[in-house]
Amino acid sequence: MHIPYFSKKEVFTEAEKNIIVSAIGRAEQRTSGEIRVYVESRCRYVDPMDRAAEVFGGLHMEKTAGRNGVLVYVALKDRQLALFGDKGIHEKVGSEFWNERVKNILGHFNKADYAGGLARMITEIGEALQRHFPFDKGTDKNELPDDIVFGR
């Protein structure tokens, strides 16, 4: 699946992008897990988890060695949010963990603090990944890019 990149209007300022990408980098320095952020305007499905699963596969996130990739999916105009964790991390933390992260970020989103909310969520996801998939400098590598992926 080809994932198109945002070309029209910038969603985040450069400073906000840096906040998010830096949070990903810091989180991944302590774990073998991988975190990606995908932002688009509208969700094509009723359930954002279905779209998150599609994007997860399109970004080949299931190919991490530990099956410990996490996708943060956001459809801004539709006010949709989903967290999709691969099998390895989902088995460790369960649905309640993901649901609690979503509840926490909604407070930030309701104040239009998208970058701050995403950074906080990424930090919390990184802490869970570190607990269950600690970094091993001898074997770990950054398997996926840390940049934000922008859809339509």
C-alpha atoms as a PDB file:
ATOM      1  CA  MET A   1       0.000   0.000   0.000  1.00  0.00           C
ATOM      2  CA  HIS A   2       1.343   3.427  -0.896  1.00  0.00           C
ATOM      3  CA  ILE A   3       0.989   5.991   1.887  1.00  0.00           C
ATOM      4  CA  PRO A   4       0.656   9.503   0.404  1.00  0.00           C
ATOM      5  CA  TYR A   5       2.364  12.433   2.114  1.00  0.00           C
ATOM      6  CA  PHE A   6       0.676  15.661   3.144  1.00  0.00           C
ATOM      7  CA  SER A   7       1.328  18.302   0.534  1.00  0.00           C
ATOM      8  CA  LYS A   8      -1.292  20.950   1.137  1.00  0.00           C
ATOM      9  CA  LYS A   9      -1.409  22.652   4.500  1.00  0.00           C
ATOM     10  CA  GLU A  10       1.136  22.117   7.230  1.00  0.00           C
ATOM     11  CA  VAL A  11      -0.480  20.696  10.334  1.00  0.00           C
ATOM     12  CA  PHE A  12       2.352  21.394  12.775  1.00  0.00           C
ATOM     13  CA  THR A  13       4.912  24.163  12.978  1.00  0.00           C
ATOM     14  CA  GLU A  14       8.557  23.143  12.671  1.00  0.00           C
ATOM     15  CA  ALA A  15       8.932  23.544  16.445  1.00  0.00           C
ATOM     16  CA  GLU A  16       5.932  21.258  17.055  1.00  0.00           C
ATOM     17  CA  LYS A  17       7.299  18.657  14.627  1.00  0.00           C
ATOM     18  CA  ASN A  18      10.616  18.778  16.483  1.00  0.00           C
ATOM     19  CA  ILE A  19       8.838  18.214  19.817  1.00  0.00           C
ATOM     20  CA  ILE A  20       7.123  15.092  18.463  1.00  0.00           C
ATOM     21  CA  VAL A  21      10.112  13.653  16.602  1.00  0.00           C
ATOM     22  CA  SER A  22      12.394  14.326  19.593  1.00  0.00           C
ATOM     23  CA  ALA A  23       9.943  12.474  21.857  1.00  0.00           C
ATOM     24  CA  ILE A  24      10.067   9.486  19.508  1.00  0.00           C
ATOM     25  CA  GLY A  25      13.873   9.541  19.471  1.00  0.00           C
ATOM     26  CA  ARG A  26      14.145   9.784  23.268  1.00  0.00           C
ATOM     27  CA  ALA A  27      11.627   6.982  23.783  1.00  0.00           C
ATOM     28  CA  GLU A  28      13.354   4.682  21.314  1.00  0.00           C
ATOM     29  CA  GLN A  29      16.796   5.225  22.892  1.00  0.00           C
ATOM     30  CA  ARG A  30      15.648   3.120  25.850  1.00  0.00           C
ATOM     31  CA  THR A  31      13.875   0.273  24.037  1.00  0.00           C
ATOM     32  CA  SER A  32      14.059  -2.058  21.066  1.00  0.00           C
ATOM     33  CA  GLY A  33      10.473  -1.013  20.306  1.00  0.00           C
ATOM     34  CA  GLU A  34       9.490   1.341  17.512  1.00  0.00           C
ATOM     35  CA  ILE A  35       6.985   4.210  17.550  1.00  0.00           C
ATOM     36  CA  ARG A  36       5.506   5.911  14.498  1.00  0.00           C
ATOM     37  CA  VAL A  37       3.069   8.818  14.279  1.00  0.00           C
ATOM     38  CA  TYR A  38       0.665   9.033  11.342  1.00  0.00           C
ATOM     39  CA  VAL A  39      -1.460  12.155  10.919  1.00  0.00           C
ATOM     40  CA  GLU A  40      -4.126  12.759   8.322  1.00  0.00           C
ATOM     41  CA  SER A  41      -7.100  15.010   7.943  1.00  0.00           C
ATOM     42  CA  ARG A  42      -9.943  12.509   7.767  1.00  0.00           C
ATOM     43  CA  CYS A  43     -10.435   8.871   8.729  1.00  0.00           C
ATOM     44  CA  ARG A  44     -11.948   6.863   5.908  1.00  0.00           C
ATOM     45  CA  TYR A  45     -13.475   4.331   8.304  1.00  0.00           C
ATOM     46  CA  VAL A  46     -16.051   4.558  11.066  1.00  0.00           C
ATOM     47  CA  ASP A  47     -13.620   2.885  13.459  1.00  0.00           C
ATOM     48  CA  PRO A  48     -10.196   4.559  13.568  1.00  0.00           C
ATOM     49  CA  MET A  49      -8.656   1.252  14.742  1.00  0.00           C
ATOM     50  CA  ASP A  50      -9.457  -0.215  11.320  1.00  0.00           C
ATOM     51  CA  ARG A  51      -7.638   2.660   9.638  1.00  0.00           C
ATOM     52  CA  ALA A  52      -4.754   2.412  12.113  1.00  0.00           C
ATOM     53  CA  ALA A  53      -4.404  -1.306  11.307  1.00  0.00           C
ATOM     54  CA  GLU A  54      -4.315  -0.495   7.589  1.00  0.00           C
ATOM     55  CA  VAL A  55      -1.680   2.218   8.058  1.00  0.00           C
ATOM     56  CA  PHE A  56       0.346  -0.051  10.384  1.00  0.00           C
ATOM     57  CA  GLY A  57       0.555  -2.645   7.624  1.00  0.00           C
ATOM     58  CA  GLY A  58       1.240  -0.026   4.951  1.00  0.00           C
ATOM     59  CA  LEU A  59       4.208   1.245   6.947  1.00  0.00           C
ATOM     60  CA  HIS A  60       5.455  -2.369   7.376  1.00  0.00           C
ATOM     61  CA  MET A  61       5.528  -1.947  11.127  1.00  0.00           C
ATOM     62  CA  GLU A  62       4.844  -5.647  11.694  1.00  0.00           C
ATOM     63  CA  LYS A  63       8.365  -6.389  10.474  1.00  0.00           C
ATOM     64  CA  THR A  64      10.125  -5.325  13.678  1.00  0.00           C
ATOM     65  CA  ALA A  65      12.181  -8.120  15.230  1.00  0.00           C
ATOM     66  CA  GLY A  66      10.270  -8.053  18.539  1.00  0.00           C
ATOM     67  CA  ARG A  67       6.849  -7.362  17.007  1.00  0.00           C
ATOM     68  CA  ASN A  68       6.919  -4.301  19.257  1.00  0.00           C
ATOM     69  CA  GLY A  69       5.980  -1.457  16.964  1.00  0.00           C
ATOM     70  CA  VAL A  70       3.350   1.071  18.031  1.00  0.00           C
ATOM     71  CA  LEU A  71       1.425   3.353  15.688  1.00  0.00           C
ATOM     72  CA  VAL A  72      -0.134   6.572  16.939  1.00  0.00           C
ATOM     73  CA  TYR A  73      -2.879   7.368  14.431  1.00  0.00           C
ATOM     74  CA  VAL A  74      -4.569  10.791  14.326  1.00  0.00           C
ATOM     75  CA  ALA A  75      -7.271  12.110  11.965  1.00  0.00           C
ATOM     76  CA  LEU A  76      -7.456  15.766  12.966  1.00  0.00           C
ATOM     77  CA  LYS A  77     -10.586  17.038  11.206  1.00  0.00           C
ATOM     78  CA  ASP A  78     -12.558  13.951  12.182  1.00  0.00           C
ATOM     79  CA  ARG A  79     -11.199  14.133  15.729  1.00  0.00           C
ATOM     80  CA  GLN A  80     -10.236  10.456  15.604  1.00  0.00           C
ATOM     81  CA  LEU A  81      -7.369   8.848  17.486  1.00  0.00           C
ATOM     82  CA  ALA A  82      -6.165   5.271  17.737  1.00  0.00           C
ATOM     83  CA  LEU A  83      -3.159   3.455  19.124  1.00  0.00           C
ATOM     84  CA  PHE A  84      -2.192   0.241  17.390  1.00  0.00           C
ATOM     85  CA  GLY A  85       0.395  -1.943  19.070  1.00  0.00           C
ATOM     86  CA  ASP A  86       1.875  -4.984  17.394  1.00  0.00           C
ATOM     87  CA  LYS A  87       1.417  -8.442  18.875  1.00  0.00           C
ATOM     88  CA  GLY A  88       4.528  -8.393  21.081  1.00  0.00           C
ATOM     89  CA  ILE A  89       3.735  -5.188  22.964  1.00  0.00           C
ATOM     90  CA  HIS A  90      -0.048  -5.669  22.983  1.00  0.00           C
ATOM     91  CA  GLU A  91       0.344  -9.040  24.722  1.00  0.00           C
ATOM     92  CA  LYS A  92       2.397  -7.308  27.427  1.00  0.00           C
ATOM     93  CA  VAL A  93       0.255  -4.236  28.127  1.00  0.00           C
ATOM     94  CA  GLY A  94      -3.281  -5.148  27.014  1.00  0.00           C
ATOM     95  CA  SER A  95      -6.188  -3.036  25.832  1.00  0.00           C
ATOM     96  CA  GLU A  96      -6.566  -1.109  29.079  1.00  0.00           C
ATOM     97  CA  PHE A  97      -3.119   0.447  28.615  1.00  0.00           C
ATOM     98  CA  TRP A  98      -4.001   1.758  25.145  1.00  0.00           C
ATOM     99  CA  ASN A  99      -7.403   3.022  26.268  1.00  0.00           C
ATOM    100  CA  GLU A 100      -5.846   4.910  29.191  1.00  0.00           C
ATOM    101  CA  ARG A 101      -3.289   6.592  26.878  1.00  0.00           C
ATOM    102  CA  VAL A 102      -6.108   7.719  24.578  1.00  0.00           C
ATOM    103  CA  LYS A 103      -8.036   9.191  27.516  1.00  0.00           C
ATOM    104  CA  ASN A 104      -4.919  11.041  28.684  1.00  0.00           C
ATOM    105  CA  ILE A 105      -4.172  12.615  25.327  1.00  0.00           C
ATOM    106  CA  LEU A 106      -7.739  13.806  24.767  1.00  0.00           C
ATOM    107  CA  GLY A 107      -7.250  16.416  27.497  1.00  0.00           C
ATOM    108  CA  HIS A 108      -4.357  17.875  25.510  1.00  0.00           C
ATOM    109  CA  PHE A 109      -6.260  17.664  22.236  1.00  0.00           C
ATOM    110  CA  ASN A 110      -9.280  19.426  23.736  1.00  0.00           C
ATOM    111  CA  LYS A 111      -6.941  22.360  24.478  1.00  0.00           C
ATOM    112  CA  ALA A 112      -5.500  22.191  20.913  1.00  0.00           C
ATOM    113  CA  ASP A 113      -2.166  21.066  22.406  1.00  0.00           C
ATOM    114  CA  TYR A 114      -1.594  18.399  19.765  1.00  0.00           C
ATOM    115  CA  ALA A 115       2.214  18.365  19.843  1.00  0.00           C
ATOM    116  CA  GLY A 116       2.375  18.365  23.640  1.00  0.00           C
ATOM    117  CA  GLY A 117      -0.246  15.646  23.894  1.00  0.00           C
ATOM    118  CA  LEU A 118       1.485  13.474  21.313  1.00  0.00           C
ATOM    119  CA  ALA A 119       4.868  13.962  22.997  1.00  0.00           C
ATOM    120  CA  ARG A 120       3.424  12.964  26.383  1.00  0.00           C
ATOM    121  CA  MET A 121       1.732   9.896  24.900  1.00  0.00           C
ATOM    122  CA  ILE A 122       4.920   8.881  23.094  1.00  0.00           C
ATOM    123  CA  THR A 123       6.843   9.177  26.371  1.00  0.00           C
ATOM    124  CA  GLU A 124       4.322   6.927  28.145  1.00  0.00           C
ATOM    125  CA  ILE A 125       4.406   4.372  25.316  1.00  0.00           C
ATOM    126  CA  GLY A 126       8.208   4.501  25.400  1.00  0.00           C
ATOM    127  CA  GLU A 127       8.203   3.746  29.132  1.00  0.00           C
ATOM    128  CA  ALA A 128       6.029   0.659  28.560  1.00  0.00           C
ATOM    129  CA  LEU A 129       8.235  -0.457  25.688  1.00  0.00           C
ATOM    130  CA  GLN A 130      11.343   0.023  27.838  1.00  0.00           C
ATOM    131  CA  ARG A 131       9.832  -2.072  30.632  1.00  0.00           C
ATOM    132  CA  HIS A 132       8.997  -4.973  28.321  1.00  0.00           C
ATOM    133  CA  PHE A 133      11.584  -4.552  25.545  1.00  0.00           C
ATOM    134  CA  PRO A 134      14.675  -2.884  27.052  1.00  0.00           C
ATOM    135  CA  PHE A 135      17.371  -1.501  24.799  1.00  0.00           C
ATOM    136  CA  ASP A 136      20.364  -3.747  24.117  1.00  0.00           C
ATOM    137  CA  LYS A 137      23.198  -1.742  22.567  1.00  0.00           C
ATOM    138  CA  GLY A 138      24.735  -4.902  21.139  1.00  0.00           C
ATOM    139  CA  THR A 139      21.736  -5.957  19.087  1.00  0.00           C
ATOM    140  CA  ASP A 140      19.253  -3.099  18.820  1.00  0.00           C
ATOM    141  CA  LYS A 141      18.970  -0.813  15.835  1.00  0.00           C
ATOM    142  CA  ASN A 142      16.458   1.784  14.749  1.00  0.00           C
ATOM    143  CA  GLU A 143      14.283  -0.349  12.485  1.00  0.00           C
ATOM    144  CA  LEU A 144      11.830   2.354  11.395  1.00  0.00           C
ATOM    145  CA  PRO A 145      12.169   6.101  10.722  1.00  0.00           C
ATOM    146  CA  ASP A 146      11.277   8.458  13.582  1.00  0.00           C
ATOM    147  CA  ASP A 147       9.651  11.110  11.385  1.00  0.00           C
ATOM    148  CA  ILE A 148       5.954  11.934  11.357  1.00  0.00           C
ATOM    149  CA  VAL A 149       4.078  10.489   8.388  1.00  0.00           C
ATOM    150  CA  PHE A 150       1.406  12.779   6.941  1.00  0.00           C
ATOM    151  CA  GLY A 151      -1.514  11.359   4.990  1.00  0.00           C
ATOM    152  CA  ARG A 152      -4.219  13.258   3.163  1.00  0.00           C
END
